[in-house]
Amino acid sequence: MQSRRYTLLAVTAAFFLAPVAPALAQSTAQPKDVVILAAASLKNALDDASAAWTKQTGKATKIAYAASSALAKQIEAGIPADLFISADVPWVDYVAERKLIKPASRFDFLGNEIVLIAGKDSKIDLKIDKGFPLRAALGEGRLAMANIDAVPAGKYGKASLESLGVWPSVADRVAQAENVRMAMTLVSRGEAPLGIVYRTDAAADPNVKIVGTFPAGSHPPIIYPMALLASSTNPDAKAFVTYLKSPAAQAFFEKQGFAVLK
């Protein structure tokens, strides 16, 4: 029964990604829209910032949210867009190496933390430390994570579990999702007792609670770089980036728990 649930979640993830192509196709007919490819974990804060910018300027955005890995591959495939905000450095490096961004526009925008979550009514109590009893806490359930090989949240989570000496005990109990928001959905729906997501994701879902925070030194620094794409010719894209650097926009990200990198 559990395997069927995870299959259904994968289908849901496909629908989550499906709007990307239509949104970008529509942008060709509406060149004034700023088209943004953004890591799924940015959704709440970036939606709020975008709405405020639109209200202030009268100009619109189209935002496609997905795993940073999926977005980078779409950029490589030539899908038209203006701006890429990744949840880690390597995927921006990936598109930069292919000369698909404007190098001078690149900067480190945000920081984040990864946390262990459970359902809001869960009685699980764990202290995250070396060798902590994660496998025992899972019981017969699974640990929800974003894809551990490609998606930043999954890679950060695996690195931390390895550093803490816990990974070997749970490697065969991981339920991998297409992106971090879908991993959180597994826990939110009660399909997994525990999951690893960003602190900002946990803050966005009232059906989950934070059990503990993974030590910063147990995984690579969590950095969200931003860059304009080399193919972008929309002058409003640069204006939107300037807005995102402003205190007014940064407040939306800080409200969700992101650290704004100065």
Protein backbone atom coordinates (compact mmCIF):
# COMPACT_ATOMS: atom_id res chain seq x y z
CA MET A 1 0.00 0.00 0.00
CA GLN A 2 2.82 2.38 0.87
CA SER A 3 4.55 1.90 -2.48
CA ARG A 4 1.32 2.83 -4.26
CA ARG A 5 1.13 6.02 -2.22
CA TYR A 6 4.62 7.02 -3.27
CA THR A 7 3.76 6.26 -6.91
CA LEU A 8 0.75 8.54 -6.62
CA LEU A 9 2.95 11.23 -5.13
CA ALA A 10 5.28 10.98 -8.11
CA VAL A 11 2.30 11.53 -10.40
CA THR A 12 1.32 14.55 -8.33
CA ALA A 13 4.87 15.85 -8.70
CA ALA A 14 4.58 15.54 -12.47
CA PHE A 15 1.52 17.80 -12.39
CA PHE A 16 3.43 20.18 -10.12
CA LEU A 17 6.09 20.52 -12.81
CA ALA A 18 3.65 20.54 -15.74
CA PRO A 19 2.82 24.28 -15.62
CA VAL A 20 6.45 25.22 -16.31
CA ALA A 21 6.37 24.75 -20.08
CA PRO A 22 2.96 26.46 -20.68
CA ALA A 23 3.99 29.43 -18.53
CA LEU A 24 7.16 29.90 -20.51
CA ALA A 25 5.37 29.42 -23.82
CA GLN A 26 2.85 32.11 -22.89
CA SER A 27 5.67 34.49 -22.01
CA THR A 28 6.66 34.59 -25.68
CA ALA A 29 3.33 36.22 -26.45
CA GLN A 30 3.65 38.58 -23.47
CA PRO A 31 7.26 39.81 -23.52
CA LYS A 32 6.71 42.30 -20.68
CA ASP A 33 6.22 39.50 -18.16
CA VAL A 34 9.35 38.64 -16.21
CA VAL A 35 9.71 34.85 -16.37
CA ILE A 36 11.34 33.34 -13.29
CA LEU A 37 12.52 29.79 -12.66
CA ALA A 38 12.67 29.28 -8.91
CA ALA A 39 13.37 26.51 -6.42
CA ALA A 40 10.15 25.06 -5.01
CA SER A 41 11.05 26.12 -1.47
CA LEU A 42 10.80 29.79 -2.48
CA LYS A 43 7.13 29.69 -3.41
CA ASN A 44 5.44 31.50 -0.53
CA ALA A 45 7.99 34.28 -0.13
CA LEU A 46 8.59 34.82 -3.85
CA ASP A 47 4.85 34.85 -4.61
CA ASP A 48 4.39 37.59 -2.00
CA ALA A 49 7.34 39.62 -3.27
CA SER A 50 6.19 39.28 -6.87
CA ALA A 51 2.65 40.39 -5.99
CA ALA A 52 4.01 43.45 -4.20
CA TRP A 53 6.23 44.33 -7.18
CA THR A 54 3.29 44.00 -9.56
CA LYS A 55 1.15 46.23 -7.34
CA GLN A 56 3.95 48.80 -7.17
CA THR A 57 4.93 48.83 -10.85
CA GLY A 58 1.97 47.41 -12.76
CA LYS A 59 4.31 44.86 -14.34
CA ALA A 60 3.77 41.11 -14.17
CA THR A 61 5.80 38.01 -13.54
CA LYS A 62 5.38 34.36 -14.43
CA ILE A 63 7.02 32.01 -11.95
CA ALA A 64 7.70 28.32 -12.49
CA TYR A 65 8.56 26.42 -9.31
CA ALA A 66 10.31 23.05 -9.31
CA ALA A 67 13.44 21.31 -8.08
CA SER A 68 16.56 23.32 -8.95
CA SER A 69 17.90 20.32 -10.84
CA ALA A 70 14.82 20.14 -13.07
CA LEU A 71 14.92 23.87 -13.75
CA ALA A 72 18.61 23.79 -14.67
CA LYS A 73 17.94 21.01 -17.16
CA GLN A 74 15.11 23.03 -18.69
CA ILE A 75 17.40 26.03 -19.03
CA GLU A 76 19.91 23.78 -20.77
CA ALA A 77 17.13 22.62 -23.09
CA GLY A 78 16.52 26.23 -24.13
CA ILE A 79 13.19 27.05 -22.51
CA PRO A 80 12.89 30.86 -22.55
CA ALA A 81 13.10 32.61 -19.18
CA ASP A 82 14.71 35.63 -17.56
CA LEU A 83 15.84 34.65 -14.08
CA PHE A 84 17.00 31.52 -12.25
CA ILE A 85 16.96 31.23 -8.45
CA SER A 86 18.44 27.92 -7.32
CA ALA A 87 18.45 26.30 -3.88
CA ASP A 88 22.13 25.48 -4.19
CA VAL A 89 25.33 26.67 -5.84
CA PRO A 90 26.11 23.61 -8.00
CA TRP A 91 23.05 23.94 -10.24
CA VAL A 92 23.84 27.58 -11.01
CA ASP A 93 27.42 26.49 -11.65
CA TYR A 94 25.98 23.89 -14.04
CA VAL A 95 24.18 26.47 -16.19
CA ALA A 96 27.07 28.95 -15.87
CA GLU A 97 29.52 26.40 -17.25
CA ARG A 98 27.26 26.15 -20.30
CA LYS A 99 27.31 29.95 -20.65
CA LEU A 100 23.56 30.17 -20.00
CA ILE A 101 23.64 32.99 -17.44
CA LYS A 102 24.93 36.56 -17.40
CA PRO A 103 27.93 36.16 -15.07
CA ALA A 104 27.92 39.72 -13.78
CA SER A 105 24.33 39.35 -12.60
CA ARG A 106 25.01 36.36 -10.36
CA PHE A 107 24.94 36.79 -6.58
CA ASP A 108 24.17 34.80 -3.44
CA PHE A 109 20.68 35.83 -2.40
CA LEU A 110 19.46 33.74 0.56
CA GLY A 111 20.43 31.22 3.20
CA ASN A 112 18.33 28.52 4.85
CA GLU A 113 18.41 25.58 7.29
CA ILE A 114 17.27 21.98 7.02
CA VAL A 115 15.06 20.53 9.71
CA LEU A 116 13.46 17.24 10.68
CA ILE A 117 9.67 17.43 10.60
CA ALA A 118 6.79 15.29 11.81
CA GLY A 119 3.02 15.57 11.62
CA LYS A 120 1.59 18.29 13.85
CA ASP A 121 0.16 15.75 16.31
CA SER A 122 3.18 13.45 16.35
CA LYS A 123 4.62 12.39 19.71
CA ILE A 124 8.09 11.75 18.27
CA ASP A 125 10.78 13.46 20.34
CA LEU A 126 14.35 13.42 19.03
CA LYS A 127 17.52 15.38 19.65
CA ILE A 128 19.54 15.61 16.45
CA ASP A 129 23.10 14.66 17.29
CA LYS A 130 25.77 12.09 16.43
CA GLY A 131 24.15 8.67 16.08
CA PHE A 132 20.67 9.85 17.10
CA PRO A 133 18.02 7.05 16.90
CA LEU A 134 16.30 8.11 13.69
CA ARG A 135 15.66 4.57 12.43
CA ALA A 136 13.93 3.59 15.68
CA ALA A 137 11.75 6.71 15.52
CA LEU A 138 10.61 5.80 11.99
CA GLY A 139 9.25 2.44 13.14
CA GLU A 140 7.71 0.83 10.07
CA GLY A 141 7.42 4.18 8.33
CA ARG A 142 9.69 6.00 5.91
CA LEU A 143 11.78 9.16 5.94
CA ALA A 144 10.50 11.65 3.36
CA MET A 145 13.25 13.51 1.49
CA ALA A 146 13.69 15.25 -1.82
CA ASN A 147 15.71 13.26 -4.35
CA ILE A 148 19.05 12.65 -2.65
CA ASP A 149 21.11 12.61 -5.85
CA ALA A 150 19.88 15.74 -7.61
CA VAL A 151 17.62 17.99 -5.52
CA PRO A 152 19.46 20.36 -3.17
CA ALA A 153 17.31 19.67 -0.08
CA GLY A 154 17.83 15.94 -0.55
CA LYS A 155 21.57 16.32 -1.01
CA TYR A 156 21.87 18.52 2.06
CA GLY A 157 19.82 16.06 4.09
CA LYS A 158 21.84 13.03 3.03
CA ALA A 159 25.12 14.86 3.72
CA SER A 160 23.95 15.73 7.22
CA LEU A 161 22.80 12.19 8.00
CA GLU A 162 26.14 10.86 6.75
CA SER A 163 28.04 13.35 8.88
CA LEU A 164 26.02 12.35 11.94
CA GLY A 165 26.62 8.65 11.26
CA VAL A 166 22.93 7.90 10.77
CA TRP A 167 22.65 7.43 7.02
CA PRO A 168 23.46 3.67 6.87
CA SER A 169 20.61 2.92 9.26
CA VAL A 170 17.96 4.75 7.23
CA ALA A 171 19.19 4.56 3.62
CA ASP A 172 16.71 1.78 2.82
CA ARG A 173 13.85 3.63 4.52
CA VAL A 174 13.90 6.82 2.48
CA ALA A 175 10.88 7.88 0.40
CA GLN A 176 12.31 10.20 -2.26
CA ALA A 177 10.14 12.94 -3.76
CA GLU A 178 10.54 15.11 -6.86
CA ASN A 179 11.19 18.24 -4.80
CA VAL A 180 11.25 19.41 -1.20
CA ARG A 181 7.62 20.57 -1.14
CA MET A 182 6.46 17.15 -2.26
CA ALA A 183 8.59 15.55 0.45
CA MET A 184 6.83 17.74 2.97
CA THR A 185 3.47 16.71 1.54
CA LEU A 186 4.22 13.09 2.46
CA VAL A 187 4.55 14.09 6.11
CA SER A 188 1.70 16.59 5.99
CA ARG A 189 -0.66 13.88 4.69
CA GLY A 190 0.50 11.35 7.25
CA GLU A 191 2.11 9.08 4.64
CA ALA A 192 5.55 9.34 6.29
CA PRO A 193 6.18 9.89 10.01
CA LEU A 194 9.26 12.05 9.48
CA GLY A 195 10.84 14.14 6.74
CA ILE A 196 13.74 16.46 6.01
CA VAL A 197 12.86 19.85 4.53
CA TYR A 198 13.95 23.45 4.76
CA ARG A 199 12.92 25.43 7.82
CA THR A 200 11.03 27.78 5.50
CA ASP A 201 8.95 24.91 4.11
CA ALA A 202 7.95 23.76 7.57
CA ALA A 203 6.82 27.30 8.37
CA ALA A 204 4.47 27.21 5.37
CA ASP A 205 2.50 24.07 6.35
CA PRO A 206 0.38 24.05 9.53
CA ASN A 207 0.09 20.26 9.37
CA VAL A 208 3.75 19.67 10.22
CA LYS A 209 6.00 20.63 13.11
CA ILE A 210 9.76 20.87 13.50
CA VAL A 211 11.31 18.10 15.58
CA GLY A 212 14.85 19.44 15.35
CA THR A 213 17.34 21.43 13.28
CA PHE A 214 20.35 19.78 11.63
CA PRO A 215 23.68 21.31 12.70
CA ALA A 216 24.98 23.77 10.11
CA GLY A 217 28.39 22.11 10.15
CA SER A 218 26.94 18.73 9.17
CA HIS A 219 26.20 19.75 5.57
CA PRO A 220 27.44 22.25 2.97
CA PRO A 221 26.23 25.84 3.45
CA ILE A 222 22.68 26.30 2.16
CA ILE A 223 22.89 29.15 -0.33
CA TYR A 224 20.35 30.31 -2.91
CA PRO A 225 22.17 31.99 -5.83
CA MET A 226 20.32 34.10 -8.36
CA ALA A 227 21.30 35.02 -11.93
CA LEU A 228 19.80 36.50 -15.07
CA LEU A 229 19.78 34.09 -17.98
CA ALA A 230 21.99 34.83 -20.96
CA SER A 231 19.00 34.67 -23.30
CA SER A 232 16.99 37.30 -21.41
CA THR A 233 16.33 40.56 -23.24
CA ASN A 234 13.57 41.84 -20.95
CA PRO A 235 14.67 45.08 -19.24
CA ASP A 236 12.08 44.51 -16.53
CA ALA A 237 13.98 41.42 -15.38
CA LYS A 238 16.89 43.52 -14.12
CA ALA A 239 14.42 45.86 -12.44
CA PHE A 240 12.80 42.91 -10.67
CA VAL A 241 16.19 41.70 -9.43
CA THR A 242 16.89 45.19 -8.09
CA TYR A 243 13.56 45.06 -6.28
CA LEU A 244 14.39 41.67 -4.74
CA LYS A 245 17.53 43.25 -3.26
CA SER A 246 15.49 45.99 -1.58
CA PRO A 247 14.50 45.93 2.12
CA ALA A 248 10.82 45.85 1.13
CA ALA A 249 11.24 42.61 -0.81
CA GLN A 250 13.69 41.05 1.62
CA ALA A 251 11.09 41.36 4.38
CA PHE A 252 8.94 38.75 2.61
CA PHE A 253 11.80 36.25 2.66
CA GLU A 254 12.77 36.99 6.24
CA LYS A 255 9.14 36.49 7.29
CA GLN A 256 9.31 32.93 5.92
CA GLY A 257 12.56 32.25 7.79
CA PHE A 258 15.16 32.80 5.07
CA ALA A 259 18.40 34.55 5.90
CA VAL A 260 19.04 37.39 3.47
CA LEU A 261 22.71 37.34 2.48
CA LYS A 262 24.14 40.83 2.39
